[in-house]
Amino acid sequence: MKTIKWMLMAVAIAGLALVLGGLLLPSTTQVQRSIVIERPATEVFAILDSFQRQREWSPWSQDDPQAVYSFGGPGSGVGAKMIWTGNAAIGSGSQEIVESVPYRTIATRLEFDGSLAALRFDLEPEAAGTRVTWSMSSAHGYNPMHRWFGALLLEPMVGPDLERGLANLKRLMEASPPD
């Protein structure tokens, strides 16, 4: 009986440590990657400010070529929306452009299998073209398990996808003749 009591107390202390430790972690997590694309910001912006060509470079569309996409709102800019249904690798969700500053910034709201995140592209002119910085931010609120997930797993899960997507975008844009 004494052993069971000590085991229960150890489990309770470990659980409390996980909860309190989780509450000490940041309430938001951001993952960010950059690449220089040898094209002017006007051309890069035109591709990113619309979802119409996203399947050509998105790392996730390659994970499910059979996914079904639909589009709503305007063709580009604030209010443009993409909805998808895919396999277990990409799930189902929607993405909507919520901010569009010509040749500088595109921000989107991502709903993915019940989770919310913010995606953002920042464009900066560079001598060789345009530096594109793609970031994903996720708010975790007061949920300690979400905070642990954000602190430990979001970067290794999402970072490589952002790198792959930026590399795909660079290949796509640099392979086509300049406008």
N, C-alpha and C. Protein backbone atom coordinates (compact mmCIF):
# COMPACT_ATOMS: atom_id res chain seq x y z
N MET A 1 0.81 -1.19 0.00
CA MET A 1 0.00 0.00 0.00
C MET A 1 0.86 1.26 0.00
N LYS A 2 1.95 1.22 0.78
CA LYS A 2 2.84 2.36 0.85
C LYS A 2 3.48 2.64 -0.51
N THR A 3 3.82 1.61 -1.25
CA THR A 3 4.42 1.76 -2.57
C THR A 3 3.46 2.42 -3.54
N ILE A 4 2.20 2.03 -3.49
CA ILE A 4 1.19 2.62 -4.38
C ILE A 4 1.03 4.11 -4.06
N LYS A 5 1.03 4.43 -2.78
CA LYS A 5 0.89 5.82 -2.35
C LYS A 5 2.06 6.67 -2.89
N TRP A 6 3.29 6.14 -2.79
CA TRP A 6 4.47 6.85 -3.28
C TRP A 6 4.42 6.99 -4.81
N MET A 7 3.95 5.96 -5.48
CA MET A 7 3.85 6.02 -6.95
C MET A 7 2.83 7.07 -7.37
N LEU A 8 1.69 7.12 -6.69
CA LEU A 8 0.67 8.11 -7.02
C LEU A 8 1.18 9.53 -6.75
N MET A 9 1.92 9.68 -5.66
CA MET A 9 2.48 10.98 -5.35
C MET A 9 3.52 11.39 -6.40
N ALA A 10 4.32 10.48 -6.85
CA ALA A 10 5.33 10.76 -7.88
C ALA A 10 4.65 11.15 -9.19
N VAL A 11 3.58 10.45 -9.55
CA VAL A 11 2.83 10.80 -10.77
C VAL A 11 2.21 12.18 -10.64
N ALA A 12 1.65 12.48 -9.49
CA ALA A 12 1.04 13.80 -9.27
C ALA A 12 2.08 14.91 -9.35
N ILE A 13 3.25 14.70 -8.78
CA ILE A 13 4.32 15.70 -8.83
C ILE A 13 4.82 15.88 -10.26
N ALA A 14 4.99 14.78 -10.98
CA ALA A 14 5.43 14.87 -12.39
C ALA A 14 4.39 15.61 -13.23
N GLY A 15 3.11 15.31 -13.00
CA GLY A 15 2.04 15.99 -13.73
C GLY A 15 2.02 17.48 -13.43
N LEU A 16 2.18 17.82 -12.17
CA LEU A 16 2.22 19.23 -11.77
C LEU A 16 3.42 19.94 -12.39
N ALA A 17 4.55 19.26 -12.41
CA ALA A 17 5.76 19.84 -13.03
C ALA A 17 5.54 20.08 -14.52
N LEU A 18 4.87 19.14 -15.21
CA LEU A 18 4.58 19.32 -16.64
C LEU A 18 3.65 20.51 -16.87
N VAL A 19 2.62 20.62 -16.06
CA VAL A 19 1.66 21.72 -16.22
C VAL A 19 2.33 23.05 -15.92
N LEU A 20 3.00 23.16 -14.77
CA LEU A 20 3.65 24.42 -14.40
C LEU A 20 4.78 24.76 -15.37
N GLY A 21 5.55 23.75 -15.77
CA GLY A 21 6.61 23.99 -16.76
C GLY A 21 6.04 24.48 -18.07
N GLY A 22 4.93 23.90 -18.50
CA GLY A 22 4.28 24.33 -19.73
C GLY A 22 3.80 25.76 -19.66
N LEU A 23 3.30 26.17 -18.51
CA LEU A 23 2.83 27.55 -18.36
C LEU A 23 3.97 28.56 -18.36
N LEU A 24 5.18 28.11 -18.09
CA LEU A 24 6.34 29.00 -18.14
C LEU A 24 6.88 29.16 -19.56
N LEU A 25 6.46 28.28 -20.47
CA LEU A 25 6.91 28.38 -21.86
C LEU A 25 6.16 29.50 -22.58
N PRO A 26 6.70 30.00 -23.70
CA PRO A 26 6.02 31.08 -24.43
C PRO A 26 4.63 30.67 -24.90
N SER A 27 3.73 31.66 -24.93
CA SER A 27 2.36 31.40 -25.36
C SER A 27 2.22 31.40 -26.88
N THR A 28 3.26 31.80 -27.60
CA THR A 28 3.25 31.74 -29.06
C THR A 28 4.58 31.17 -29.54
N THR A 29 4.53 30.56 -30.71
CA THR A 29 5.73 30.02 -31.33
C THR A 29 5.79 30.53 -32.76
N GLN A 30 6.98 30.91 -33.21
CA GLN A 30 7.15 31.35 -34.59
C GLN A 30 8.29 30.56 -35.23
N VAL A 31 8.03 30.09 -36.44
CA VAL A 31 9.03 29.40 -37.25
C VAL A 31 9.23 30.26 -38.49
N GLN A 32 10.48 30.47 -38.88
CA GLN A 32 10.74 31.40 -39.98
C GLN A 32 11.91 30.91 -40.83
N ARG A 33 11.80 31.09 -42.15
CA ARG A 33 12.88 30.77 -43.08
C ARG A 33 12.92 31.85 -44.17
N SER A 34 14.11 32.02 -44.77
CA SER A 34 14.29 33.02 -45.83
C SER A 34 15.08 32.44 -46.99
N ILE A 35 14.88 33.07 -48.15
CA ILE A 35 15.64 32.71 -49.35
C ILE A 35 15.66 33.93 -50.26
N VAL A 36 16.69 34.03 -51.09
CA VAL A 36 16.75 35.10 -52.08
C VAL A 36 16.35 34.52 -53.43
N ILE A 37 15.36 35.15 -54.06
CA ILE A 37 14.89 34.74 -55.37
C ILE A 37 15.32 35.81 -56.37
N GLU A 38 15.95 35.39 -57.43
CA GLU A 38 16.49 36.34 -58.41
C GLU A 38 15.39 36.84 -59.35
N ARG A 39 14.45 37.52 -58.74
CA ARG A 39 13.34 38.16 -59.46
C ARG A 39 12.95 39.40 -58.66
N PRO A 40 12.41 40.41 -59.32
CA PRO A 40 11.97 41.60 -58.58
C PRO A 40 10.77 41.31 -57.69
N ALA A 41 10.62 42.13 -56.67
CA ALA A 41 9.53 41.94 -55.71
C ALA A 41 8.16 41.96 -56.38
N THR A 42 8.01 42.70 -57.47
CA THR A 42 6.72 42.75 -58.16
C THR A 42 6.31 41.37 -58.66
N GLU A 43 7.26 40.61 -59.20
CA GLU A 43 6.96 39.26 -59.70
C GLU A 43 6.70 38.28 -58.57
N VAL A 44 7.52 38.35 -57.53
CA VAL A 44 7.35 37.44 -56.39
C VAL A 44 6.01 37.70 -55.72
N PHE A 45 5.69 38.97 -55.53
CA PHE A 45 4.43 39.36 -54.90
C PHE A 45 3.24 38.83 -55.68
N ALA A 46 3.30 38.91 -57.00
CA ALA A 46 2.18 38.46 -57.84
C ALA A 46 1.87 36.98 -57.63
N ILE A 47 2.89 36.16 -57.42
CA ILE A 47 2.69 34.72 -57.18
C ILE A 47 2.12 34.48 -55.77
N LEU A 48 2.65 35.19 -54.78
CA LEU A 48 2.28 34.94 -53.38
C LEU A 48 0.95 35.57 -52.98
N ASP A 49 0.51 36.61 -53.70
CA ASP A 49 -0.71 37.33 -53.34
C ASP A 49 -1.97 36.65 -53.88
N SER A 50 -1.81 35.46 -54.41
CA SER A 50 -2.92 34.68 -54.95
C SER A 50 -2.68 33.21 -54.64
N PHE A 51 -3.74 32.46 -54.48
CA PHE A 51 -3.60 31.02 -54.23
C PHE A 51 -3.64 30.21 -55.52
N GLN A 52 -3.86 30.86 -56.64
CA GLN A 52 -4.08 30.14 -57.90
C GLN A 52 -2.90 29.27 -58.31
N ARG A 53 -1.67 29.69 -58.00
CA ARG A 53 -0.49 28.91 -58.40
C ARG A 53 0.23 28.27 -57.21
N GLN A 54 -0.38 28.31 -56.06
CA GLN A 54 0.28 27.81 -54.86
C GLN A 54 0.62 26.32 -54.96
N ARG A 55 -0.22 25.56 -55.64
CA ARG A 55 0.06 24.11 -55.77
C ARG A 55 1.35 23.84 -56.53
N GLU A 56 1.82 24.82 -57.32
CA GLU A 56 3.06 24.63 -58.09
C GLU A 56 4.31 24.69 -57.21
N TRP A 57 4.21 25.32 -56.05
CA TRP A 57 5.40 25.44 -55.22
C TRP A 57 5.21 25.01 -53.75
N SER A 58 3.99 24.90 -53.29
CA SER A 58 3.73 24.57 -51.89
C SER A 58 4.31 23.21 -51.52
N PRO A 59 5.00 23.11 -50.39
CA PRO A 59 5.54 21.81 -50.00
C PRO A 59 4.44 20.81 -49.66
N TRP A 60 3.28 21.31 -49.24
CA TRP A 60 2.22 20.40 -48.81
C TRP A 60 1.43 19.85 -49.99
N SER A 61 1.32 20.60 -51.06
CA SER A 61 0.57 20.08 -52.21
C SER A 61 1.31 18.91 -52.83
N GLN A 62 2.61 18.86 -52.68
CA GLN A 62 3.39 17.72 -53.18
C GLN A 62 3.14 16.47 -52.34
N ASP A 63 2.71 16.66 -51.09
CA ASP A 63 2.44 15.52 -50.21
C ASP A 63 1.12 14.82 -50.54
N ASP A 64 0.26 15.50 -51.30
CA ASP A 64 -1.00 14.89 -51.73
C ASP A 64 -1.43 15.49 -53.07
N PRO A 65 -0.93 14.93 -54.17
CA PRO A 65 -1.29 15.45 -55.49
C PRO A 65 -2.78 15.28 -55.81
N GLN A 66 -3.49 14.42 -55.07
CA GLN A 66 -4.91 14.18 -55.32
C GLN A 66 -5.83 15.08 -54.49
N ALA A 67 -5.27 15.98 -53.69
CA ALA A 67 -6.08 16.85 -52.85
C ALA A 67 -7.03 17.68 -53.71
N VAL A 68 -8.18 18.01 -53.12
CA VAL A 68 -9.19 18.80 -53.83
C VAL A 68 -9.15 20.23 -53.28
N TYR A 69 -9.03 21.20 -54.19
CA TYR A 69 -8.93 22.61 -53.82
C TYR A 69 -10.11 23.37 -54.39
N SER A 70 -10.57 24.38 -53.63
CA SER A 70 -11.56 25.31 -54.17
C SER A 70 -11.14 26.71 -53.70
N PHE A 71 -11.61 27.69 -54.45
CA PHE A 71 -11.19 29.07 -54.21
C PHE A 71 -12.40 29.96 -54.03
N GLY A 72 -12.27 30.99 -53.20
CA GLY A 72 -13.35 31.94 -52.98
C GLY A 72 -12.81 33.34 -52.86
N GLY A 73 -13.71 34.30 -52.87
CA GLY A 73 -13.32 35.69 -52.76
C GLY A 73 -12.65 36.17 -54.03
N PRO A 74 -11.93 37.29 -53.94
CA PRO A 74 -11.24 37.80 -55.12
C PRO A 74 -10.10 36.87 -55.53
N GLY A 75 -9.60 37.03 -56.73
CA GLY A 75 -8.51 36.19 -57.22
C GLY A 75 -7.19 36.43 -56.51
N SER A 76 -7.02 37.62 -55.92
CA SER A 76 -5.80 37.94 -55.20
C SER A 76 -6.10 39.00 -54.16
N GLY A 77 -5.16 39.20 -53.26
CA GLY A 77 -5.29 40.23 -52.24
C GLY A 77 -6.19 39.82 -51.09
N VAL A 78 -6.48 40.80 -50.23
CA VAL A 78 -7.29 40.55 -49.03
C VAL A 78 -8.63 39.93 -49.42
N GLY A 79 -8.97 38.85 -48.73
CA GLY A 79 -10.23 38.16 -48.99
C GLY A 79 -10.10 36.94 -49.88
N ALA A 80 -8.97 36.82 -50.61
CA ALA A 80 -8.76 35.62 -51.43
C ALA A 80 -8.67 34.42 -50.49
N LYS A 81 -9.34 33.33 -50.85
CA LYS A 81 -9.41 32.18 -49.95
C LYS A 81 -9.23 30.89 -50.73
N MET A 82 -8.55 29.94 -50.08
CA MET A 82 -8.37 28.60 -50.63
C MET A 82 -8.83 27.60 -49.57
N ILE A 83 -9.60 26.61 -50.01
CA ILE A 83 -10.07 25.54 -49.12
C ILE A 83 -9.58 24.23 -49.72
N TRP A 84 -9.10 23.32 -48.90
CA TRP A 84 -8.63 22.05 -49.42
C TRP A 84 -9.08 20.89 -48.54
N THR A 85 -9.17 19.75 -49.17
CA THR A 85 -9.42 18.48 -48.49
C THR A 85 -8.41 17.50 -49.06
N GLY A 86 -7.63 16.89 -48.16
CA GLY A 86 -6.59 15.99 -48.63
C GLY A 86 -6.46 14.76 -47.78
N ASN A 87 -5.39 14.04 -48.01
CA ASN A 87 -5.11 12.81 -47.28
C ASN A 87 -4.63 13.13 -45.86
N ALA A 88 -4.19 12.12 -45.14
CA ALA A 88 -3.75 12.31 -43.75
C ALA A 88 -2.51 13.20 -43.68
N ALA A 89 -1.70 13.23 -44.72
CA ALA A 89 -0.48 14.03 -44.70
C ALA A 89 -0.77 15.53 -44.69
N ILE A 90 -1.80 15.97 -45.41
CA ILE A 90 -2.07 17.42 -45.47
C ILE A 90 -3.40 17.80 -44.82
N GLY A 91 -4.23 16.84 -44.50
CA GLY A 91 -5.49 17.13 -43.81
C GLY A 91 -6.43 18.00 -44.61
N SER A 92 -7.26 18.74 -43.90
CA SER A 92 -8.24 19.63 -44.51
C SER A 92 -8.15 20.98 -43.83
N GLY A 93 -8.48 22.03 -44.57
CA GLY A 93 -8.44 23.35 -43.97
C GLY A 93 -8.70 24.45 -44.96
N SER A 94 -8.38 25.65 -44.54
CA SER A 94 -8.55 26.82 -45.40
C SER A 94 -7.47 27.83 -45.07
N GLN A 95 -7.23 28.69 -46.04
CA GLN A 95 -6.27 29.76 -45.88
C GLN A 95 -6.85 31.00 -46.55
N GLU A 96 -6.79 32.13 -45.86
CA GLU A 96 -7.34 33.37 -46.38
C GLU A 96 -6.34 34.51 -46.22
N ILE A 97 -6.18 35.31 -47.26
CA ILE A 97 -5.29 36.47 -47.18
C ILE A 97 -5.99 37.54 -46.35
N VAL A 98 -5.32 37.97 -45.29
CA VAL A 98 -5.89 38.97 -44.39
C VAL A 98 -5.16 40.31 -44.46
N GLU A 99 -3.99 40.32 -45.08
CA GLU A 99 -3.23 41.55 -45.27
C GLU A 99 -2.42 41.43 -46.54
N SER A 100 -2.43 42.49 -47.33
CA SER A 100 -1.68 42.50 -48.58
C SER A 100 -1.15 43.90 -48.83
N VAL A 101 0.14 44.06 -48.63
CA VAL A 101 0.81 45.35 -48.87
C VAL A 101 1.67 45.15 -50.12
N PRO A 102 1.28 45.76 -51.24
CA PRO A 102 1.98 45.50 -52.51
C PRO A 102 3.50 45.53 -52.41
N TYR A 103 4.06 44.44 -52.88
CA TYR A 103 5.50 44.23 -53.02
C TYR A 103 6.25 44.16 -51.69
N ARG A 104 5.53 44.07 -50.55
CA ARG A 104 6.17 44.02 -49.24
C ARG A 104 5.72 42.84 -48.37
N THR A 105 4.38 42.65 -48.21
CA THR A 105 3.87 41.70 -47.22
C THR A 105 2.58 41.05 -47.69
N ILE A 106 2.47 39.76 -47.42
CA ILE A 106 1.21 39.03 -47.57
C ILE A 106 1.05 38.23 -46.27
N ALA A 107 -0.07 38.42 -45.59
CA ALA A 107 -0.34 37.68 -44.35
C ALA A 107 -1.62 36.88 -44.54
N THR A 108 -1.62 35.64 -44.06
CA THR A 108 -2.79 34.79 -44.21
C THR A 108 -3.17 34.18 -42.86
N ARG A 109 -4.44 33.83 -42.78
CA ARG A 109 -4.97 33.09 -41.62
C ARG A 109 -5.16 31.66 -42.08
N LEU A 110 -4.56 30.74 -41.37
CA LEU A 110 -4.61 29.32 -41.71
C LEU A 110 -5.45 28.58 -40.68
N GLU A 111 -6.45 27.85 -41.15
CA GLU A 111 -7.21 26.94 -40.30
C GLU A 111 -6.90 25.54 -40.83
N PHE A 112 -6.36 24.71 -39.95
CA PHE A 112 -5.89 23.41 -40.38
C PHE A 112 -6.33 22.36 -39.37
N ASP A 113 -7.25 21.51 -39.77
CA ASP A 113 -7.74 20.44 -38.90
C ASP A 113 -8.07 20.95 -37.49
N GLY A 114 -8.75 22.09 -37.42
CA GLY A 114 -9.19 22.63 -36.14
C GLY A 114 -8.19 23.54 -35.45
N SER A 115 -7.00 23.69 -35.99
CA SER A 115 -6.00 24.57 -35.39
C SER A 115 -5.90 25.86 -36.20
N LEU A 116 -5.49 26.93 -35.54
CA LEU A 116 -5.30 28.22 -36.21
C LEU A 116 -3.84 28.60 -36.19
N ALA A 117 -3.39 29.24 -37.26
CA ALA A 117 -2.03 29.76 -37.33
C ALA A 117 -2.03 30.96 -38.27
N ALA A 118 -0.98 31.74 -38.17
CA ALA A 118 -0.81 32.88 -39.07
C ALA A 118 0.43 32.63 -39.91
N LEU A 119 0.27 32.78 -41.22
CA LEU A 119 1.41 32.67 -42.14
C LEU A 119 1.68 34.05 -42.70
N ARG A 120 2.95 34.32 -42.98
CA ARG A 120 3.31 35.65 -43.47
C ARG A 120 4.49 35.54 -44.42
N PHE A 121 4.43 36.30 -45.49
CA PHE A 121 5.55 36.46 -46.41
C PHE A 121 5.98 37.92 -46.36
N ASP A 122 7.25 38.15 -46.09
CA ASP A 122 7.81 39.50 -46.14
C ASP A 122 8.82 39.53 -47.27
N LEU A 123 8.72 40.55 -48.13
CA LEU A 123 9.59 40.69 -49.29
C LEU A 123 10.49 41.90 -49.09
N GLU A 124 11.78 41.69 -49.34
CA GLU A 124 12.76 42.77 -49.21
C GLU A 124 13.65 42.76 -50.44
N PRO A 125 13.76 43.90 -51.13
CA PRO A 125 14.66 43.94 -52.28
C PRO A 125 16.11 43.70 -51.85
N GLU A 126 16.82 42.92 -52.65
CA GLU A 126 18.25 42.68 -52.45
C GLU A 126 18.92 42.84 -53.81
N ALA A 127 20.22 43.00 -53.80
CA ALA A 127 20.95 43.23 -55.04
C ALA A 127 20.63 42.17 -56.10
N ALA A 128 20.55 40.93 -55.68
CA ALA A 128 20.33 39.84 -56.63
C ALA A 128 18.85 39.59 -56.91
N GLY A 129 17.96 40.28 -56.24
CA GLY A 129 16.53 40.02 -56.45
C GLY A 129 15.71 40.42 -55.24
N THR A 130 15.03 39.43 -54.66
CA THR A 130 14.13 39.68 -53.53
C THR A 130 14.35 38.64 -52.44
N ARG A 131 14.55 39.10 -51.22
CA ARG A 131 14.61 38.18 -50.09
C ARG A 131 13.17 37.92 -49.64
N VAL A 132 12.80 36.64 -49.63
CA VAL A 132 11.46 36.23 -49.20
C VAL A 132 11.62 35.55 -47.85
N THR A 133 10.92 36.07 -46.85
CA THR A 133 10.91 35.47 -45.52
C THR A 133 9.51 34.95 -45.26
N TRP A 134 9.43 33.64 -45.04
CA TRP A 134 8.16 32.97 -44.79
C TRP A 134 8.12 32.60 -43.32
N SER A 135 7.10 33.04 -42.61
CA SER A 135 7.00 32.70 -41.19
C SER A 135 5.62 32.15 -40.86
N MET A 136 5.61 31.33 -39.84
CA MET A 136 4.37 30.76 -39.32
C MET A 136 4.35 31.00 -37.82
N SER A 137 3.26 31.59 -37.35
CA SER A 137 3.09 31.85 -35.91
C SER A 137 1.87 31.10 -35.42
N SER A 138 2.00 30.54 -34.23
CA SER A 138 0.89 29.80 -33.64
C SER A 138 0.74 30.23 -32.19
N ALA A 139 -0.48 30.60 -31.80
CA ALA A 139 -0.77 30.99 -30.42
C ALA A 139 -1.25 29.76 -29.66
N HIS A 140 -0.77 29.60 -28.44
CA HIS A 140 -1.09 28.40 -27.65
C HIS A 140 -1.98 28.70 -26.45
N GLY A 141 -2.22 29.96 -26.17
CA GLY A 141 -3.05 30.31 -25.02
C GLY A 141 -2.45 29.79 -23.73
N TYR A 142 -3.31 29.36 -22.83
CA TYR A 142 -2.85 28.86 -21.52
C TYR A 142 -2.78 27.33 -21.47
N ASN A 143 -2.91 26.68 -22.62
CA ASN A 143 -2.85 25.23 -22.65
C ASN A 143 -1.40 24.77 -22.55
N PRO A 144 -1.00 24.18 -21.41
CA PRO A 144 0.41 23.80 -21.26
C PRO A 144 0.87 22.76 -22.27
N MET A 145 -0.01 21.85 -22.69
CA MET A 145 0.40 20.82 -23.66
C MET A 145 0.67 21.46 -25.02
N HIS A 146 -0.15 22.44 -25.41
CA HIS A 146 0.09 23.15 -26.67
C HIS A 146 1.40 23.93 -26.59
N ARG A 147 1.69 24.50 -25.43
CA ARG A 147 2.95 25.23 -25.27
C ARG A 147 4.14 24.30 -25.38
N TRP A 148 4.05 23.09 -24.78
CA TRP A 148 5.13 22.12 -24.92
C TRP A 148 5.29 21.73 -26.39
N PHE A 149 4.16 21.49 -27.06
CA PHE A 149 4.21 21.15 -28.49
C PHE A 149 4.90 22.26 -29.28
N GLY A 150 4.50 23.50 -29.04
CA GLY A 150 5.09 24.62 -29.76
C GLY A 150 6.58 24.76 -29.48
N ALA A 151 6.96 24.63 -28.23
CA ALA A 151 8.36 24.81 -27.85
C ALA A 151 9.27 23.70 -28.37
N LEU A 152 8.75 22.47 -28.39
CA LEU A 152 9.61 21.34 -28.72
C LEU A 152 9.45 20.79 -30.14
N LEU A 153 8.25 20.89 -30.71
CA LEU A 153 7.99 20.16 -31.95
C LEU A 153 7.69 21.02 -33.17
N LEU A 154 7.21 22.25 -32.98
CA LEU A 154 6.78 23.03 -34.14
C LEU A 154 7.95 23.35 -35.08
N GLU A 155 9.05 23.78 -34.54
CA GLU A 155 10.22 24.11 -35.38
C GLU A 155 10.69 22.91 -36.21
N PRO A 156 10.95 21.76 -35.61
CA PRO A 156 11.41 20.63 -36.44
C PRO A 156 10.36 20.08 -37.39
N MET A 157 9.07 20.30 -37.08
CA MET A 157 8.02 19.80 -37.97
C MET A 157 7.77 20.75 -39.15
N VAL A 158 7.74 22.07 -38.89
CA VAL A 158 7.35 23.04 -39.90
C VAL A 158 8.55 23.65 -40.63
N GLY A 159 9.66 23.84 -39.93
CA GLY A 159 10.83 24.49 -40.53
C GLY A 159 11.27 23.85 -41.85
N PRO A 160 11.45 22.53 -41.90
CA PRO A 160 11.85 21.91 -43.16
C PRO A 160 10.83 22.10 -44.29
N ASP A 161 9.54 22.14 -43.94
CA ASP A 161 8.51 22.38 -44.96
C ASP A 161 8.63 23.79 -45.53
N LEU A 162 8.88 24.77 -44.66
CA LEU A 162 9.05 26.14 -45.14
C LEU A 162 10.26 26.23 -46.07
N GLU A 163 11.35 25.56 -45.69
CA GLU A 163 12.55 25.56 -46.54
C GLU A 163 12.25 24.93 -47.90
N ARG A 164 11.56 23.81 -47.89
CA ARG A 164 11.22 23.11 -49.13
C ARG A 164 10.31 23.97 -50.01
N GLY A 165 9.33 24.63 -49.40
CA GLY A 165 8.43 25.50 -50.16
C GLY A 165 9.16 26.68 -50.77
N LEU A 166 10.05 27.31 -50.01
CA LEU A 166 10.81 28.43 -50.55
C LEU A 166 11.73 27.99 -51.68
N ALA A 167 12.35 26.82 -51.53
CA ALA A 167 13.21 26.30 -52.61
C ALA A 167 12.38 26.01 -53.86
N ASN A 168 11.18 25.46 -53.68
CA ASN A 168 10.28 25.21 -54.82
C ASN A 168 9.88 26.52 -55.50
N LEU A 169 9.56 27.53 -54.69
CA LEU A 169 9.17 28.84 -55.22
C LEU A 169 10.32 29.45 -56.00
N LYS A 170 11.52 29.36 -55.48
CA LYS A 170 12.71 29.89 -56.16
C LYS A 170 12.91 29.19 -57.50
N ARG A 171 12.83 27.85 -57.51
CA ARG A 171 12.98 27.10 -58.78
C ARG A 171 11.93 27.50 -59.79
N LEU A 172 10.68 27.59 -59.34
CA LEU A 172 9.58 27.96 -60.22
C LEU A 172 9.79 29.34 -60.83
N MET A 173 10.13 30.29 -60.00
CA MET A 173 10.25 31.67 -60.48
C MET A 173 11.50 31.87 -61.34
N GLU A 174 12.60 31.28 -60.96
CA GLU A 174 13.83 31.49 -61.70
C GLU A 174 13.88 30.68 -62.99
N ALA A 175 13.05 29.66 -63.11
CA ALA A 175 13.00 28.85 -64.34
C ALA A 175 12.20 29.55 -65.44
N SER A 176 11.30 30.43 -65.05
CA SER A 176 10.48 31.12 -66.05
C SER A 176 11.14 32.44 -66.42
N PRO A 177 10.93 32.90 -67.66
CA PRO A 177 11.55 34.15 -68.08
C PRO A 177 10.99 35.33 -67.28
N PRO A 178 11.83 36.33 -67.01
CA PRO A 178 11.34 37.50 -66.27
C PRO A 178 10.20 38.19 -67.02
N ASP A 179 9.29 38.81 -66.23
CA ASP A 179 8.19 39.56 -66.83
C ASP A 179 8.66 40.83 -67.48
